[in-house]
Amino acid sequence: MVNQQLSAGQANLKLALWNAEAESVKSSEMYIQLQDLGLPEEVVTRLHELITFTRKVSGKVFTLGKIVLLKIFEFVKAHPFLVAGAGMGAVVGAAIAGLITSIPLLGQLLAPIAAVLGITIIGVGAVVGHRLDKQFQGVGEDIVEIAQNFFTLLTDVINTVFYGILPA
């Protein structure tokens, strides 16, 4: 895909088309889509609040929050493996970085290395996911369902293991 610079007129037309698309989708439908992603309720609420974000551009009010959320949905649907790979990479990267930085005495010295390692793992997960998207088109919905189930299981395990250990 070639990234080309848009003229002001082209950008305004594109924004107007996106806005028309965003206005045709009800906020309640977007809320349901957010809930169907299996995200924690707090995240769903925060993202749903984004829908109300508007700005005046060239004398017309645009629903920029809704546009951004619709574009995120489009990206996730088009690249489910990439999103799942990056998400799993983020979980693994954060876990490894957390373990490294928790090493007594050396943890704080190794923190920059842990951060780079965590970012690298996220990148690797995203690249692997992108390659899978290119190879296995059409199975994204299954991957999203599997990722949701995995993160639900992970949340349950963490909540069970740390119940009573961490303050509420």
C-alpha atoms as a PDB file:
ATOM      1  CA  MET A   1       0.000   0.000   0.000  1.00  0.00           C
ATOM      2  CA  VAL A   2       1.499   3.313  -1.068  1.00  0.00           C
ATOM      3  CA  ASN A   3       1.095   6.118   1.443  1.00  0.00           C
ATOM      4  CA  GLN A   4       0.463   9.322  -0.436  1.00  0.00           C
ATOM      5  CA  GLN A   5      -0.086  12.833   0.828  1.00  0.00           C
ATOM      6  CA  LEU A   6      -3.705  13.946   0.542  1.00  0.00           C
ATOM      7  CA  SER A   7      -4.675  17.437  -0.493  1.00  0.00           C
ATOM      8  CA  ALA A   8      -6.853  19.430   1.908  1.00  0.00           C
ATOM      9  CA  GLY A   9      -9.896  18.758  -0.260  1.00  0.00           C
ATOM     10  CA  GLN A  10      -9.217  15.019  -0.420  1.00  0.00           C
ATOM     11  CA  ALA A  11      -8.676  14.860   3.335  1.00  0.00           C
ATOM     12  CA  ASN A  12     -11.927  16.754   3.987  1.00  0.00           C
ATOM     13  CA  LEU A  13     -13.824  14.443   1.616  1.00  0.00           C
ATOM     14  CA  LYS A  14     -12.348  11.340   3.260  1.00  0.00           C
ATOM     15  CA  LEU A  15     -13.197  12.684   6.725  1.00  0.00           C
ATOM     16  CA  ALA A  16     -16.744  13.515   5.582  1.00  0.00           C
ATOM     17  CA  LEU A  17     -17.204   9.964   4.230  1.00  0.00           C
ATOM     18  CA  TRP A  18     -15.841   8.444   7.453  1.00  0.00           C
ATOM     19  CA  ASN A  19     -18.119  10.717   9.478  1.00  0.00           C
ATOM     20  CA  ALA A  20     -21.166   9.664   7.445  1.00  0.00           C
ATOM     21  CA  GLU A  21     -20.247   6.031   8.072  1.00  0.00           C
ATOM     22  CA  ALA A  22     -19.760   6.722  11.798  1.00  0.00           C
ATOM     23  CA  GLU A  23     -23.077   8.525  12.093  1.00  0.00           C
ATOM     24  CA  SER A  24     -24.863   5.566  10.479  1.00  0.00           C
ATOM     25  CA  VAL A  25     -23.747   3.269  13.313  1.00  0.00           C
ATOM     26  CA  LYS A  26     -25.655   3.517  16.570  1.00  0.00           C
ATOM     27  CA  SER A  27     -23.678   3.958  19.776  1.00  0.00           C
ATOM     28  CA  SER A  28     -25.533   1.005  21.280  1.00  0.00           C
ATOM     29  CA  GLU A  29     -24.353  -1.230  18.403  1.00  0.00           C
ATOM     30  CA  MET A  30     -20.771  -0.176  19.034  1.00  0.00           C
ATOM     31  CA  TYR A  31     -21.188  -0.857  22.737  1.00  0.00           C
ATOM     32  CA  ILE A  32     -22.378  -4.380  21.954  1.00  0.00           C
ATOM     33  CA  GLN A  33     -19.401  -4.901  19.606  1.00  0.00           C
ATOM     34  CA  LEU A  34     -17.059  -3.776  22.367  1.00  0.00           C
ATOM     35  CA  GLN A  35     -18.664  -6.182  24.839  1.00  0.00           C
ATOM     36  CA  ASP A  36     -18.431  -9.009  22.298  1.00  0.00           C
ATOM     37  CA  LEU A  37     -14.656  -8.521  22.178  1.00  0.00           C
ATOM     38  CA  GLY A  38     -14.515  -9.884  25.724  1.00  0.00           C
ATOM     39  CA  LEU A  39     -12.720  -6.868  27.128  1.00  0.00           C
ATOM     40  CA  PRO A  40     -12.982  -5.993  30.816  1.00  0.00           C
ATOM     41  CA  GLU A  41     -16.040  -3.839  31.558  1.00  0.00           C
ATOM     42  CA  GLU A  42     -13.886  -0.856  32.557  1.00  0.00           C
ATOM     43  CA  VAL A  43     -12.139  -0.911  29.163  1.00  0.00           C
ATOM     44  CA  VAL A  44     -15.481  -1.252  27.369  1.00  0.00           C
ATOM     45  CA  THR A  45     -16.834   1.739  29.281  1.00  0.00           C
ATOM     46  CA  ARG A  46     -13.766   3.871  28.524  1.00  0.00           C
ATOM     47  CA  LEU A  47     -13.818   3.002  24.834  1.00  0.00           C
ATOM     48  CA  HIS A  48     -17.548   3.644  24.687  1.00  0.00           C
ATOM     49  CA  GLU A  49     -16.919   7.096  26.188  1.00  0.00           C
ATOM     50  CA  LEU A  50     -14.627   7.755  23.219  1.00  0.00           C
ATOM     51  CA  ILE A  51     -17.694   7.655  20.974  1.00  0.00           C
ATOM     52  CA  THR A  52     -18.866  11.007  22.328  1.00  0.00           C
ATOM     53  CA  PHE A  53     -15.624  12.799  21.382  1.00  0.00           C
ATOM     54  CA  THR A  54     -16.403  15.358  18.666  1.00  0.00           C
ATOM     55  CA  ARG A  55     -14.513  18.249  17.066  1.00  0.00           C
ATOM     56  CA  LYS A  56     -15.434  21.025  14.707  1.00  0.00           C
ATOM     57  CA  VAL A  57     -13.484  20.799  11.446  1.00  0.00           C
ATOM     58  CA  SER A  58     -14.039  23.303   8.640  1.00  0.00           C
ATOM     59  CA  GLY A  59     -17.268  24.483  10.255  1.00  0.00           C
ATOM     60  CA  LYS A  60     -18.803  20.994  10.606  1.00  0.00           C
ATOM     61  CA  VAL A  61     -18.934  18.809  13.726  1.00  0.00           C
ATOM     62  CA  PHE A  62     -17.294  15.406  13.249  1.00  0.00           C
ATOM     63  CA  THR A  63     -17.672  12.403  15.538  1.00  0.00           C
ATOM     64  CA  LEU A  64     -13.939  11.743  15.697  1.00  0.00           C
ATOM     65  CA  GLY A  65     -14.153   9.281  18.586  1.00  0.00           C
ATOM     66  CA  LYS A  66     -16.626   7.107  16.717  1.00  0.00           C
ATOM     67  CA  ILE A  67     -14.503   7.293  13.564  1.00  0.00           C
ATOM     68  CA  VAL A  68     -11.391   6.184  15.467  1.00  0.00           C
ATOM     69  CA  LEU A  69     -13.260   3.308  17.120  1.00  0.00           C
ATOM     70  CA  LEU A  70     -14.690   2.136  13.779  1.00  0.00           C
ATOM     71  CA  LYS A  71     -11.212   2.208  12.247  1.00  0.00           C
ATOM     72  CA  ILE A  72      -9.886   0.151  15.171  1.00  0.00           C
ATOM     73  CA  PHE A  73     -12.680  -2.398  14.581  1.00  0.00           C
ATOM     74  CA  GLU A  74     -11.792  -2.516  10.877  1.00  0.00           C
ATOM     75  CA  PHE A  75      -8.121  -3.087  11.681  1.00  0.00           C
ATOM     76  CA  VAL A  76      -8.862  -5.855  14.178  1.00  0.00           C
ATOM     77  CA  LYS A  77     -11.179  -7.597  11.704  1.00  0.00           C
ATOM     78  CA  ALA A  78      -8.634  -7.286   8.894  1.00  0.00           C
ATOM     79  CA  HIS A  79      -5.640  -8.396  11.011  1.00  0.00           C
ATOM     80  CA  PRO A  80      -6.857 -10.738  13.755  1.00  0.00           C
ATOM     81  CA  PHE A  81      -3.621 -12.747  13.952  1.00  0.00           C
ATOM     82  CA  LEU A  82      -1.500  -9.603  14.191  1.00  0.00           C
ATOM     83  CA  VAL A  83      -3.668  -8.270  17.008  1.00  0.00           C
ATOM     84  CA  ALA A  84      -3.689 -11.630  18.808  1.00  0.00           C
ATOM     85  CA  GLY A  85       0.063 -12.062  18.304  1.00  0.00           C
ATOM     86  CA  ALA A  86       0.838  -8.578  19.580  1.00  0.00           C
ATOM     87  CA  GLY A  87      -1.534  -9.092  22.529  1.00  0.00           C
ATOM     88  CA  MET A  88       0.023 -12.388  23.498  1.00  0.00           C
ATOM     89  CA  GLY A  89       3.475 -10.896  22.964  1.00  0.00           C
ATOM     90  CA  ALA A  90       2.514  -8.026  25.273  1.00  0.00           C
ATOM     91  CA  VAL A  91       1.422 -10.429  28.003  1.00  0.00           C
ATOM     92  CA  VAL A  92       4.552 -12.566  27.704  1.00  0.00           C
ATOM     93  CA  GLY A  93       6.816  -9.510  27.361  1.00  0.00           C
ATOM     94  CA  ALA A  94       5.301  -7.842  30.414  1.00  0.00           C
ATOM     95  CA  ALA A  95       5.613 -11.042  32.432  1.00  0.00           C
ATOM     96  CA  ILE A  96       9.268 -11.494  31.510  1.00  0.00           C
ATOM     97  CA  ALA A  97      10.052  -7.824  32.117  1.00  0.00           C
ATOM     98  CA  GLY A  98       8.281  -8.038  35.483  1.00  0.00           C
ATOM     99  CA  LEU A  99      10.260 -11.110  36.466  1.00  0.00           C
ATOM    100  CA  ILE A 100      13.563  -9.567  35.437  1.00  0.00           C
ATOM    101  CA  THR A 101      12.944  -6.298  37.282  1.00  0.00           C
ATOM    102  CA  SER A 102      11.872  -8.166  40.417  1.00  0.00           C
ATOM    103  CA  ILE A 103      15.307  -9.767  40.846  1.00  0.00           C
ATOM    104  CA  PRO A 104      16.702  -8.417  44.116  1.00  0.00           C
ATOM    105  CA  LEU A 105      19.578  -5.932  43.726  1.00  0.00           C
ATOM    106  CA  LEU A 106      20.045  -6.543  39.979  1.00  0.00           C
ATOM    107  CA  GLY A 107      16.445  -5.963  38.901  1.00  0.00           C
ATOM    108  CA  GLN A 108      16.700  -2.182  38.703  1.00  0.00           C
ATOM    109  CA  LEU A 109      19.973  -2.401  36.788  1.00  0.00           C
ATOM    110  CA  LEU A 110      18.431  -4.837  34.311  1.00  0.00           C
ATOM    111  CA  ALA A 111      15.220  -2.785  33.875  1.00  0.00           C
ATOM    112  CA  PRO A 112      16.307  -1.164  30.559  1.00  0.00           C
ATOM    113  CA  ILE A 113      17.177  -4.588  29.132  1.00  0.00           C
ATOM    114  CA  ALA A 114      13.849  -5.963  30.373  1.00  0.00           C
ATOM    115  CA  ALA A 115      11.995  -3.118  28.660  1.00  0.00           C
ATOM    116  CA  VAL A 116      13.770  -3.729  25.346  1.00  0.00           C
ATOM    117  CA  LEU A 117      13.162  -7.464  25.654  1.00  0.00           C
ATOM    118  CA  GLY A 118       9.460  -6.862  26.338  1.00  0.00           C
ATOM    119  CA  ILE A 119       9.106  -4.563  23.312  1.00  0.00           C
ATOM    120  CA  THR A 120      10.971  -7.082  21.151  1.00  0.00           C
ATOM    121  CA  ILE A 121       8.631  -9.889  22.177  1.00  0.00           C
ATOM    122  CA  ILE A 122       5.602  -7.721  21.326  1.00  0.00           C
ATOM    123  CA  GLY A 123       7.140  -6.979  17.924  1.00  0.00           C
ATOM    124  CA  VAL A 124       7.854 -10.639  17.257  1.00  0.00           C
ATOM    125  CA  GLY A 125       4.287 -11.545  18.198  1.00  0.00           C
ATOM    126  CA  ALA A 126       2.943  -8.880  15.850  1.00  0.00           C
ATOM    127  CA  VAL A 127       5.166 -10.015  12.952  1.00  0.00           C
ATOM    128  CA  VAL A 128       4.232 -13.667  13.431  1.00  0.00           C
ATOM    129  CA  GLY A 129       0.574 -12.668  13.591  1.00  0.00           C
ATOM    130  CA  HIS A 130       0.891 -10.567  10.440  1.00  0.00           C
ATOM    131  CA  ARG A 131       2.425 -13.486   8.558  1.00  0.00           C
ATOM    132  CA  LEU A 132      -0.392 -15.732   9.747  1.00  0.00           C
ATOM    133  CA  ASP A 133      -2.942 -13.144   8.595  1.00  0.00           C
ATOM    134  CA  LYS A 134      -1.412 -13.298   5.123  1.00  0.00           C
ATOM    135  CA  GLN A 135      -1.328 -17.101   5.087  1.00  0.00           C
ATOM    136  CA  PHE A 136      -4.666 -18.001   6.729  1.00  0.00           C
ATOM    137  CA  GLN A 137      -7.217 -15.462   5.623  1.00  0.00           C
ATOM    138  CA  GLY A 138     -10.721 -16.065   6.911  1.00  0.00           C
ATOM    139  CA  VAL A 139      -9.957 -17.814  10.189  1.00  0.00           C
ATOM    140  CA  GLY A 140      -9.617 -14.625  12.181  1.00  0.00           C
ATOM    141  CA  GLU A 141     -12.897 -14.979  14.031  1.00  0.00           C
ATOM    142  CA  ASP A 142     -11.738 -18.313  15.468  1.00  0.00           C
ATOM    143  CA  ILE A 143      -8.461 -16.740  16.587  1.00  0.00           C
ATOM    144  CA  VAL A 144     -10.273 -13.846  18.249  1.00  0.00           C
ATOM    145  CA  GLU A 145     -12.502 -16.330  20.084  1.00  0.00           C
ATOM    146  CA  ILE A 146      -9.490 -18.370  21.170  1.00  0.00           C
ATOM    147  CA  ALA A 147      -7.664 -15.232  22.345  1.00  0.00           C
ATOM    148  CA  GLN A 148     -10.726 -14.152  24.327  1.00  0.00           C
ATOM    149  CA  ASN A 149     -10.934 -17.566  25.969  1.00  0.00           C
ATOM    150  CA  PHE A 150      -7.197 -17.514  26.713  1.00  0.00           C
ATOM    151  CA  PHE A 151      -7.333 -14.095  28.357  1.00  0.00           C
ATOM    152  CA  THR A 152     -10.425 -15.077  30.346  1.00  0.00           C
ATOM    153  CA  LEU A 153      -8.588 -18.166  31.574  1.00  0.00           C
ATOM    154  CA  LEU A 154      -5.462 -16.122  32.340  1.00  0.00           C
ATOM    155  CA  THR A 155      -7.525 -13.592  34.293  1.00  0.00           C
ATOM    156  CA  ASP A 156      -9.221 -16.358  36.257  1.00  0.00           C
ATOM    157  CA  VAL A 157      -5.884 -18.003  37.050  1.00  0.00           C
ATOM    158  CA  ILE A 158      -4.272 -14.736  38.154  1.00  0.00           C
ATOM    159  CA  ASN A 159      -7.305 -13.782  40.258  1.00  0.00           C
ATOM    160  CA  THR A 160      -7.338 -17.219  41.881  1.00  0.00           C
ATOM    161  CA  VAL A 161      -3.590 -17.356  42.530  1.00  0.00           C
ATOM    162  CA  PHE A 162      -3.365 -13.841  43.926  1.00  0.00           C
ATOM    163  CA  TYR A 163      -6.676 -13.823  45.797  1.00  0.00           C
ATOM    164  CA  GLY A 164      -5.992 -12.548  49.276  1.00  0.00           C
ATOM    165  CA  ILE A 165      -2.363 -11.716  48.485  1.00  0.00           C
ATOM    166  CA  LEU A 166      -2.813  -8.404  46.702  1.00  0.00           C
ATOM    167  CA  PRO A 167      -4.811  -5.595  48.311  1.00  0.00           C
ATOM    168  CA  ALA A 168      -8.164  -4.883  46.648  1.00  0.00           C
END
